[in-house]
Every structure is written in C-alpha cells, then in structure tokens.
C-alpha atoms as a PDB file:
ATOM      1  CA  MET A   1      -8.097 -23.145  -0.336  1.00  0.00           C
ATOM      2  CA  SER A   2      -6.310 -25.682  -2.543  1.00  0.00           C
ATOM      3  CA  ASP A   3      -7.196 -23.672  -5.659  1.00  0.00           C
ATOM      4  CA  ALA A   4      -6.158 -20.444  -3.938  1.00  0.00           C
ATOM      5  CA  MET A   5      -2.767 -21.919  -3.028  1.00  0.00           C
ATOM      6  CA  THR A   6      -2.292 -22.991  -6.647  1.00  0.00           C
ATOM      7  CA  MET A   7      -3.001 -19.446  -7.802  1.00  0.00           C
ATOM      8  CA  LEU A   8      -0.692 -18.106  -5.110  1.00  0.00           C
ATOM      9  CA  ARG A   9       2.157 -20.305  -6.375  1.00  0.00           C
ATOM     10  CA  ARG A  10       1.443 -19.041  -9.881  1.00  0.00           C
ATOM     11  CA  ASN A  11       1.689 -15.423  -8.751  1.00  0.00           C
ATOM     12  CA  VAL A  12       4.896 -16.069  -6.806  1.00  0.00           C
ATOM     13  CA  ARG A  13       6.466 -17.579  -9.924  1.00  0.00           C
ATOM     14  CA  HIS A  14       5.380 -14.589 -11.991  1.00  0.00           C
ATOM     15  CA  THR A  15       6.901 -12.266  -9.393  1.00  0.00           C
ATOM     16  CA  THR A  16      10.259 -14.049  -9.378  1.00  0.00           C
ATOM     17  CA  ARG A  17      10.337 -13.948 -13.185  1.00  0.00           C
ATOM     18  CA  ASN A  18       9.357 -10.283 -13.392  1.00  0.00           C
ATOM     19  CA  PRO A  19      12.231  -8.146 -12.038  1.00  0.00           C
ATOM     20  CA  SER A  20      10.386  -4.885 -12.761  1.00  0.00           C
ATOM     21  CA  ALA A  21       7.626  -5.802 -10.302  1.00  0.00           C
ATOM     22  CA  LEU A  22      10.194  -6.586  -7.614  1.00  0.00           C
ATOM     23  CA  ILE A  23      12.008  -3.314  -8.254  1.00  0.00           C
ATOM     24  CA  MET A  24       8.798  -1.259  -8.112  1.00  0.00           C
ATOM     25  CA  THR A  25       7.485  -2.925  -4.959  1.00  0.00           C
ATOM     26  CA  ILE A  26      10.745  -3.286  -3.039  1.00  0.00           C
ATOM     27  CA  GLY A  27      13.317  -0.979  -4.603  1.00  0.00           C
ATOM     28  CA  ILE A  28      11.423   2.279  -5.156  1.00  0.00           C
ATOM     29  CA  PRO A  29      10.314   2.754  -1.498  1.00  0.00           C
ATOM     30  CA  VAL A  30      13.907   2.276  -0.359  1.00  0.00           C
ATOM     31  CA  VAL A  31      15.085   4.810  -2.954  1.00  0.00           C
ATOM     32  CA  LEU A  32      12.427   7.256  -1.733  1.00  0.00           C
ATOM     33  CA  LEU A  33      13.608   6.784   1.835  1.00  0.00           C
ATOM     34  CA  LEU A  34      17.213   7.455   0.857  1.00  0.00           C
ATOM     35  CA  LEU A  35      16.166  10.458  -1.240  1.00  0.00           C
ATOM     36  CA  PHE A  36      14.087  12.171   1.425  1.00  0.00           C
ATOM     37  CA  VAL A  37      16.582  11.510   4.198  1.00  0.00           C
ATOM     38  CA  GLY A  38      19.771  12.276   2.286  1.00  0.00           C
ATOM     39  CA  VAL A  39      18.627  15.076  -0.039  1.00  0.00           C
ATOM     40  CA  PHE A  40      15.584  16.771   1.494  1.00  0.00           C
ATOM     41  CA  GLY A  41      16.012  15.800   5.124  1.00  0.00           C
ATOM     42  CA  ASP A  42      17.648  18.995   6.415  1.00  0.00           C
ATOM     43  CA  SER A  43      15.161  21.260   4.628  1.00  0.00           C
ATOM     44  CA  LEU A  44      12.026  19.367   5.617  1.00  0.00           C
ATOM     45  CA  SER A  45      13.130  18.966   9.237  1.00  0.00           C
ATOM     46  CA  ALA A  46      13.805  22.671   9.737  1.00  0.00           C
ATOM     47  CA  GLY A  47      12.169  23.870  12.925  1.00  0.00           C
ATOM     48  CA  ARG A  48      11.240  20.348  14.049  1.00  0.00           C
ATOM     49  CA  ASP A  49      12.262  18.544  17.191  1.00  0.00           C
ATOM     50  CA  GLY A  50      13.918  15.170  16.662  1.00  0.00           C
ATOM     51  CA  ASP A  51      15.249  13.495  13.540  1.00  0.00           C
ATOM     52  CA  TYR A  52      13.217  13.817  10.361  1.00  0.00           C
ATOM     53  CA  ILE A  53      13.627  10.117   9.604  1.00  0.00           C
ATOM     54  CA  ASP A  54      11.504   9.289  12.648  1.00  0.00           C
ATOM     55  CA  TYR A  55       8.693  11.328  11.112  1.00  0.00           C
ATOM     56  CA  LEU A  56       9.305  10.032   7.577  1.00  0.00           C
ATOM     57  CA  VAL A  57       9.214   6.242   7.944  1.00  0.00           C
ATOM     58  CA  ALA A  58       5.416   5.993   8.314  1.00  0.00           C
ATOM     59  CA  GLY A  59       4.958   7.932   5.073  1.00  0.00           C
ATOM     60  CA  VAL A  60       7.387   5.733   3.166  1.00  0.00           C
ATOM     61  CA  LEU A  61       5.578   2.642   4.443  1.00  0.00           C
ATOM     62  CA  LEU A  62       2.379   4.139   3.073  1.00  0.00           C
ATOM     63  CA  MET A  63       4.058   4.614  -0.309  1.00  0.00           C
ATOM     64  CA  THR A  64       5.278   1.021  -0.159  1.00  0.00           C
ATOM     65  CA  VAL A  65       1.726  -0.246   0.147  1.00  0.00           C
ATOM     66  CA  GLY A  66       0.638   2.017  -2.709  1.00  0.00           C
ATOM     67  CA  TYR A  67       3.311   0.732  -5.077  1.00  0.00           C
ATOM     68  CA  GLY A  68       2.347  -2.838  -4.217  1.00  0.00           C
ATOM     69  CA  ALA A  69      -1.305  -2.127  -5.079  1.00  0.00           C
ATOM     70  CA  THR A  70      -0.416  -0.581  -8.443  1.00  0.00           C
ATOM     71  CA  THR A  71       1.700  -3.627  -9.309  1.00  0.00           C
ATOM     72  CA  THR A  72      -1.277  -5.850  -8.521  1.00  0.00           C
ATOM     73  CA  ALA A  73      -3.565  -3.763 -10.729  1.00  0.00           C
ATOM     74  CA  LEU A  74      -1.189  -4.267 -13.670  1.00  0.00           C
ATOM     75  CA  ALA A  75      -0.871  -8.013 -13.015  1.00  0.00           C
ATOM     76  CA  VAL A  76      -4.634  -8.535 -12.842  1.00  0.00           C
ATOM     77  CA  ASN A  77      -5.176  -6.453 -15.980  1.00  0.00           C
ATOM     78  CA  ARG A  78      -2.602  -8.506 -17.864  1.00  0.00           C
ATOM     79  CA  ASP A  79      -4.510 -11.652 -16.918  1.00  0.00           C
ATOM     80  CA  MET A  80      -7.778 -10.099 -18.089  1.00  0.00           C
ATOM     81  CA  THR A  81      -6.527  -8.715 -21.393  1.00  0.00           C
ATOM     82  CA  ALA A  82      -4.444 -11.800 -22.242  1.00  0.00           C
ATOM     83  CA  GLY A  83      -7.424 -14.109 -21.866  1.00  0.00           C
ATOM     84  CA  ILE A  84      -6.020 -16.152 -18.979  1.00  0.00           C
ATOM     85  CA  ILE A  85      -8.941 -15.356 -16.680  1.00  0.00           C
ATOM     86  CA  ASP A  86     -11.375 -16.334 -19.437  1.00  0.00           C
ATOM     87  CA  ARG A  87      -9.662 -19.706 -19.539  1.00  0.00           C
ATOM     88  CA  PHE A  88      -9.839 -20.004 -15.744  1.00  0.00           C
ATOM     89  CA  ARG A  89     -13.608 -19.445 -15.964  1.00  0.00           C
ATOM     90  CA  THR A  90     -13.958 -22.612 -18.051  1.00  0.00           C
ATOM     91  CA  MET A  91     -12.000 -24.769 -15.586  1.00  0.00           C
ATOM     92  CA  ALA A  92     -13.307 -26.663 -12.585  1.00  0.00           C
ATOM     93  CA  ILE A  93     -11.753 -24.326 -10.036  1.00  0.00           C
ATOM     94  CA  SER A  94     -13.119 -21.905  -7.497  1.00  0.00           C
ATOM     95  CA  ARG A  95     -13.653 -18.511  -9.088  1.00  0.00           C
ATOM     96  CA  THR A  96     -12.666 -16.682  -5.930  1.00  0.00           C
ATOM     97  CA  SER A  97      -9.305 -18.468  -5.864  1.00  0.00           C
ATOM     98  CA  VAL A  98      -8.069 -16.453  -8.846  1.00  0.00           C
ATOM     99  CA  LEU A  99      -8.516 -13.138  -7.037  1.00  0.00           C
ATOM    100  CA  THR A 100      -7.456 -14.566  -3.683  1.00  0.00           C
ATOM    101  CA  GLY A 101      -4.155 -15.724  -5.162  1.00  0.00           C
ATOM    102  CA  HIS A 102      -3.434 -12.216  -6.417  1.00  0.00           C
ATOM    103  CA  VAL A 103      -4.369 -10.589  -3.111  1.00  0.00           C
ATOM    104  CA  VAL A 104      -2.408 -12.968  -0.876  1.00  0.00           C
ATOM    105  CA  GLY A 105       0.663 -12.853  -3.133  1.00  0.00           C
ATOM    106  CA  SER A 106       0.622  -9.075  -3.342  1.00  0.00           C
ATOM    107  CA  THR A 107       0.076  -8.685   0.400  1.00  0.00           C
ATOM    108  CA  ALA A 108       3.017 -10.949   1.216  1.00  0.00           C
ATOM    109  CA  ARG A 109       5.260  -9.169  -1.296  1.00  0.00           C
ATOM    110  CA  THR A 110       4.318  -5.745   0.057  1.00  0.00           C
ATOM    111  CA  LEU A 111       4.869  -6.713   3.698  1.00  0.00           C
ATOM    112  CA  VAL A 112       8.313  -8.103   2.852  1.00  0.00           C
ATOM    113  CA  SER A 113       9.092  -4.776   1.194  1.00  0.00           C
ATOM    114  CA  ALA A 114       7.868  -2.939   4.317  1.00  0.00           C
ATOM    115  CA  VAL A 115      10.231  -4.981   6.496  1.00  0.00           C
ATOM    116  CA  LEU A 116      13.104  -4.062   4.181  1.00  0.00           C
ATOM    117  CA  VAL A 117      12.173  -0.374   4.376  1.00  0.00           C
ATOM    118  CA  VAL A 118      12.189  -0.488   8.179  1.00  0.00           C
ATOM    119  CA  ALA A 119      15.554  -2.281   8.171  1.00  0.00           C
ATOM    120  CA  VAL A 120      17.076   0.390   5.915  1.00  0.00           C
ATOM    121  CA  ALA A 121      15.527   3.085   8.110  1.00  0.00           C
ATOM    122  CA  PHE A 122      17.217   1.607  11.178  1.00  0.00           C
ATOM    123  CA  ALA A 123      20.520   1.678   9.295  1.00  0.00           C
ATOM    124  CA  LEU A 124      19.939   5.381   8.519  1.00  0.00           C
ATOM    125  CA  GLY A 125      19.255   6.294  12.144  1.00  0.00           C
ATOM    126  CA  PHE A 126      15.578   5.499  12.737  1.00  0.00           C
ATOM    127  CA  ARG A 127      15.135   5.140  16.497  1.00  0.00           C
ATOM    128  CA  PRO A 128      11.494   4.478  17.455  1.00  0.00           C
ATOM    129  CA  HIS A 129      10.377   4.225  21.064  1.00  0.00           C
ATOM    130  CA  GLY A 130       7.297   2.049  20.616  1.00  0.00           C
ATOM    131  CA  ASP A 131       7.012  -1.151  22.626  1.00  0.00           C
ATOM    132  CA  ALA A 132       6.196  -4.606  21.271  1.00  0.00           C
ATOM    133  CA  LEU A 133       2.456  -3.992  21.547  1.00  0.00           C
ATOM    134  CA  GLY A 134       2.773  -0.751  19.599  1.00  0.00           C
ATOM    135  CA  TRP A 135       4.768  -2.420  16.837  1.00  0.00           C
ATOM    136  CA  LEU A 136       2.245  -5.253  16.707  1.00  0.00           C
ATOM    137  CA  GLY A 137      -0.531  -2.704  16.281  1.00  0.00           C
ATOM    138  CA  ALA A 138       1.437  -0.923  13.551  1.00  0.00           C
ATOM    139  CA  ALA A 139       1.997  -4.215  11.732  1.00  0.00           C
ATOM    140  CA  GLY A 140      -1.696  -5.061  11.960  1.00  0.00           C
ATOM    141  CA  LEU A 141      -2.738  -1.647  10.644  1.00  0.00           C
ATOM    142  CA  LEU A 142      -0.210  -1.872   7.820  1.00  0.00           C
ATOM    143  CA  ALA A 143      -1.479  -5.346   6.871  1.00  0.00           C
ATOM    144  CA  LEU A 144      -5.082  -4.100   6.920  1.00  0.00           C
ATOM    145  CA  LEU A 145      -4.169  -1.158   4.690  1.00  0.00           C
ATOM    146  CA  THR A 146      -2.297  -3.488   2.336  1.00  0.00           C
ATOM    147  CA  ILE A 147      -5.307  -5.765   1.971  1.00  0.00           C
ATOM    148  CA  ALA A 148      -7.598  -2.770   1.402  1.00  0.00           C
ATOM    149  CA  LEU A 149      -5.490  -1.140  -1.309  1.00  0.00           C
ATOM    150  CA  THR A 150      -4.727  -4.506  -2.906  1.00  0.00           C
ATOM    151  CA  TRP A 151      -8.436  -5.253  -3.347  1.00  0.00           C
ATOM    152  CA  LEU A 152      -8.838  -1.802  -4.886  1.00  0.00           C
ATOM    153  CA  GLY A 153      -5.939  -2.596  -7.205  1.00  0.00           C
ATOM    154  CA  VAL A 154      -7.577  -5.891  -8.195  1.00  0.00           C
ATOM    155  CA  ALA A 155     -10.836  -4.084  -8.981  1.00  0.00           C
ATOM    156  CA  VAL A 156      -9.037  -1.458 -11.074  1.00  0.00           C
ATOM    157  CA  GLY A 157      -7.189  -4.187 -12.960  1.00  0.00           C
ATOM    158  CA  LEU A 158     -10.475  -5.923 -13.744  1.00  0.00           C
ATOM    159  CA  ALA A 159     -12.194  -2.700 -14.809  1.00  0.00           C
ATOM    160  CA  ALA A 160      -9.422  -1.240 -16.987  1.00  0.00           C
ATOM    161  CA  PRO A 161      -9.603  -2.218 -20.690  1.00  0.00           C
ATOM    162  CA  THR A 162      -5.818  -1.972 -21.139  1.00  0.00           C
ATOM    163  CA  PRO A 163      -2.750  -1.838 -18.855  1.00  0.00           C
ATOM    164  CA  GLU A 164      -2.349   1.841 -19.717  1.00  0.00           C
ATOM    165  CA  ALA A 165      -5.848   2.510 -18.358  1.00  0.00           C
ATOM    166  CA  THR A 166      -4.656   1.660 -14.842  1.00  0.00           C
ATOM    167  CA  ALA A 167      -2.465   4.789 -14.884  1.00  0.00           C
ATOM    168  CA  PRO A 168      -5.042   7.046 -13.139  1.00  0.00           C
ATOM    169  CA  PHE A 169      -5.158   4.640 -10.191  1.00  0.00           C
ATOM    170  CA  THR A 170      -1.362   4.655 -10.038  1.00  0.00           C
ATOM    171  CA  LEU A 171      -1.316   8.457 -10.116  1.00  0.00           C
ATOM    172  CA  ILE A 172      -3.894   8.779  -7.334  1.00  0.00           C
ATOM    173  CA  ILE A 173      -2.194   6.229  -5.074  1.00  0.00           C
ATOM    174  CA  GLN A 174       1.185   7.931  -5.540  1.00  0.00           C
ATOM    175  CA  LEU A 175      -0.136  11.484  -5.173  1.00  0.00           C
ATOM    176  CA  LEU A 176      -2.413  11.195  -2.134  1.00  0.00           C
ATOM    177  CA  PRO A 177       0.411  10.446   0.360  1.00  0.00           C
ATOM    178  CA  PHE A 178       2.082  13.742  -0.618  1.00  0.00           C
ATOM    179  CA  LEU A 179      -1.188  15.523   0.217  1.00  0.00           C
ATOM    180  CA  SER A 180      -1.333  14.000   3.688  1.00  0.00           C
ATOM    181  CA  SER A 181       0.809  14.045   6.807  1.00  0.00           C
ATOM    182  CA  ALA A 182       3.210  11.497   5.299  1.00  0.00           C
ATOM    183  CA  PHE A 183       6.096  13.885   4.663  1.00  0.00           C
ATOM    184  CA  VAL A 184       5.203  17.190   6.318  1.00  0.00           C
ATOM    185  CA  PRO A 185       2.550  18.163   8.913  1.00  0.00           C
ATOM    186  CA  PRO A 186      -0.716  19.414   7.380  1.00  0.00           C
ATOM    187  CA  GLU A 187      -0.327  22.562   9.506  1.00  0.00           C
ATOM    188  CA  SER A 188       2.566  23.626   7.269  1.00  0.00           C
ATOM    189  CA  MET A 189       0.349  23.506   4.169  1.00  0.00           C
ATOM    190  CA  SER A 190      -1.811  26.335   2.932  1.00  0.00           C
ATOM    191  CA  GLY A 191      -5.504  26.911   2.291  1.00  0.00           C
ATOM    192  CA  ALA A 192      -7.486  24.154   0.591  1.00  0.00           C
ATOM    193  CA  VAL A 193      -4.516  21.784   0.610  1.00  0.00           C
ATOM    194  CA  ARG A 194      -4.416  21.876   4.411  1.00  0.00           C
ATOM    195  CA  TRP A 195      -8.154  21.162   4.586  1.00  0.00           C
ATOM    196  CA  PHE A 196      -7.850  18.276   2.133  1.00  0.00           C
ATOM    197  CA  ALA A 197      -4.881  16.800   3.999  1.00  0.00           C
ATOM    198  CA  GLY A 198      -6.874  16.906   7.231  1.00  0.00           C
ATOM    199  CA  HIS A 199      -9.807  14.982   5.769  1.00  0.00           C
ATOM    200  CA  GLU A 200      -8.326  12.436   3.380  1.00  0.00           C
ATOM    201  CA  PRO A 201      -7.946   8.797   4.550  1.00  0.00           C
ATOM    202  CA  PHE A 202      -4.156   8.573   4.400  1.00  0.00           C
ATOM    203  CA  THR A 203      -3.600  11.226   7.073  1.00  0.00           C
ATOM    204  CA  PRO A 204      -5.110   9.323  10.047  1.00  0.00           C
ATOM    205  CA  ILE A 205      -3.529   6.097   8.786  1.00  0.00           C
ATOM    206  CA  THR A 206      -0.073   7.695   8.612  1.00  0.00           C
ATOM    207  CA  ASP A 207      -0.467   9.426  11.970  1.00  0.00           C
ATOM    208  CA  SER A 208      -1.565   6.157  13.591  1.00  0.00           C
ATOM    209  CA  LEU A 209       1.383   4.219  12.148  1.00  0.00           C
ATOM    210  CA  ARG A 210       3.766   6.924  13.317  1.00  0.00           C
ATOM    211  CA  GLY A 211       2.236   7.088  16.790  1.00  0.00           C
ATOM    212  CA  LEU A 212       2.348   3.314  17.279  1.00  0.00           C
ATOM    213  CA  MET A 213       5.987   3.075  16.215  1.00  0.00           C
ATOM    214  CA  LEU A 214       7.176   6.155  18.103  1.00  0.00           C
ATOM    215  CA  ASP A 215       4.971   5.635  21.181  1.00  0.00           C
ATOM    216  CA  THR A 216       3.201   8.977  20.820  1.00  0.00           C
ATOM    217  CA  PRO A 217      -0.532   9.587  21.384  1.00  0.00           C
ATOM    218  CA  ILE A 218      -2.775   8.840  18.423  1.00  0.00           C
ATOM    219  CA  GLY A 219      -6.137   9.817  19.948  1.00  0.00           C
ATOM    220  CA  ARG A 220      -9.045   9.580  17.513  1.00  0.00           C
ATOM    221  CA  GLU A 221      -6.724   8.944  14.587  1.00  0.00           C
ATOM    222  CA  GLY A 222      -6.455   5.241  15.460  1.00  0.00           C
ATOM    223  CA  PRO A 223     -10.170   4.366  15.157  1.00  0.00           C
ATOM    224  CA  ALA A 224     -10.456   6.623  12.101  1.00  0.00           C
ATOM    225  CA  ALA A 225      -7.556   4.783  10.431  1.00  0.00           C
ATOM    226  CA  VAL A 226      -9.150   1.375  11.036  1.00  0.00           C
ATOM    227  CA  VAL A 227     -12.521   2.594   9.758  1.00  0.00           C
ATOM    228  CA  TRP A 228     -10.976   4.014   6.595  1.00  0.00           C
ATOM    229  CA  CYS A 229      -9.114   0.754   5.948  1.00  0.00           C
ATOM    230  CA  LEU A 230     -12.294  -1.288   6.400  1.00  0.00           C
ATOM    231  CA  ILE A 231     -14.239   1.026   4.079  1.00  0.00           C
ATOM    232  CA  LEU A 232     -11.573   0.816   1.387  1.00  0.00           C
ATOM    233  CA  ALA A 233     -11.300  -2.964   1.772  1.00  0.00           C
ATOM    234  CA  ALA A 234     -15.067  -3.487   1.573  1.00  0.00           C
ATOM    235  CA  ALA A 235     -15.401  -1.191  -1.432  1.00  0.00           C
ATOM    236  CA  GLY A 236     -12.530  -2.839  -3.282  1.00  0.00           C
ATOM    237  CA  TYR A 237     -13.708  -6.362  -2.495  1.00  0.00           C
ATOM    238  CA  ALA A 238     -17.319  -5.682  -3.529  1.00  0.00           C
ATOM    239  CA  TRP A 239     -16.228  -3.930  -6.721  1.00  0.00           C
ATOM    240  CA  ALA A 240     -13.786  -6.704  -7.652  1.00  0.00           C
ATOM    241  CA  ARG A 241     -16.279  -9.504  -6.985  1.00  0.00           C
ATOM    242  CA  THR A 242     -18.959  -7.721  -9.018  1.00  0.00           C
ATOM    243  CA  LEU A 243     -16.641  -7.245 -11.987  1.00  0.00           C
ATOM    244  CA  PHE A 244     -15.271 -10.766 -11.813  1.00  0.00           C
ATOM    245  CA  SER A 245     -18.710 -12.377 -11.574  1.00  0.00           C
ATOM    246  CA  ARG A 246     -19.896 -10.831 -14.822  1.00  0.00           C
ATOM    247  CA  ASP A 247     -19.922 -13.330 -17.682  1.00  0.00           C
ATOM    248  CA  ARG A 248     -18.113 -11.963 -20.717  1.00  0.00           C
END
C-alpha cells in the first residue's frame, strides 16, 4: 500500500502538470453535455415525454468514464515506451503498485469529472427523482464501470507498442455509447444497429444508471449491468497483470 500511494502521488502530479489530460477527462464530457442539450436537444427529444436532459445525463456519464480510460491507456503506454516501467522493475517496490497507482488515480479523476458533469446538468435543468439509495446505487455502478474500463485501458497501454497504437481502443470506447441507449432509445434505430444496441454491454449499464437516478424501473438491466462490469474488470485486470508480469 505504501508503494501504491507513492505511485498514486506520482500520477496525481503528472495529471496536474498535463492540462490536456484534464481537459479530455473533465472538459470534453461537459462540452458534449452542452452540445447535445443546446444544439441537438429539441430534435432528439421530439415525441418524448419529459426533458431530454433527464434522458441524456446517464449517456454523458458513460462517455466520461470512457474518456478517463483512454487517458489512462495513453499514460501507461508512455511509461512503457519511455522505459520508466523497466526502471521500476529493477527497484525494490511492489510490482502491482505501479498499475494500482494508475488505476486509483484515474478512477478518482474520472469520478471528479462525473460529479462536475452532474453539477452542470443540474444547472441546465436536470431534475432527477431518485432517492438517496438510488443515487448511492448509481454512484456504485459508475465506480464499478470506471474501475472496469480503467483496467482495460491499462492493459491496452501495456500491449500497444506506441501511443498511436492505442487509437483503436479510443475509437471503440467513444463509438460504443452512440450505438447504445445512451443518447436515443434502441427502438428508434433500424435493423442490425437496433439488435447490436440491445445486446452490447453499455446499454444495460446506461439504462441502470438512468433508472437509479430518475427512480424508474430497471428490471433485469441492473443485474446485467453489474455482470458486464465484473466481466470487463476481470478481463482487463487479468490481461494487464499477464502483460506486466512478462520479463522484457
């Protein structure tokens, strides 16, 4: 834990000295929220009951977590390609602390960004009806998703030979929310896209977040969201540990 806290302090210092990472993790989700509410809101809410922002916030939170994971992938890859992790391997420190520092730092940064997104949403007219227990459940699910995607980001950063090679992961993480229920209901989509949106992991996660915040039924989506998060977290953790344990 002492080594992990040292690595966490290192990552926090890197974050404060890297404005682009702060802008990507914190600024872009807020810009997306303003864009969809102010520019596309009337069109996307046509024929819907209630304000579109109430439907939108869960999707923007999902994008927030995705941007945080892509930032982590780049940070880990920079450590790998610059030789810093090779130097850490020669030091008398816990190997797991290097990855743990990245994961904890990224998770904290992403959750702070999520709080900012919710605050801006309230200023724009977001009026959820969920009680304290519902919001606690939403926060727990969001934290679980953050940890899952962050471990995947760490694994991608370890596997990619260059920072540019992390681009496919960034593209997938940014594209999948648009092919889910994050911004429009899957029922409004057509053909294969509707089928894909109904079976990809981000749809039950988004629906569960939205239901917990708005106090609407989530049914089977809640357990499915937790299961998907656990699967993604386990896969990312196992992949990252396997890559990191290989001697170069």
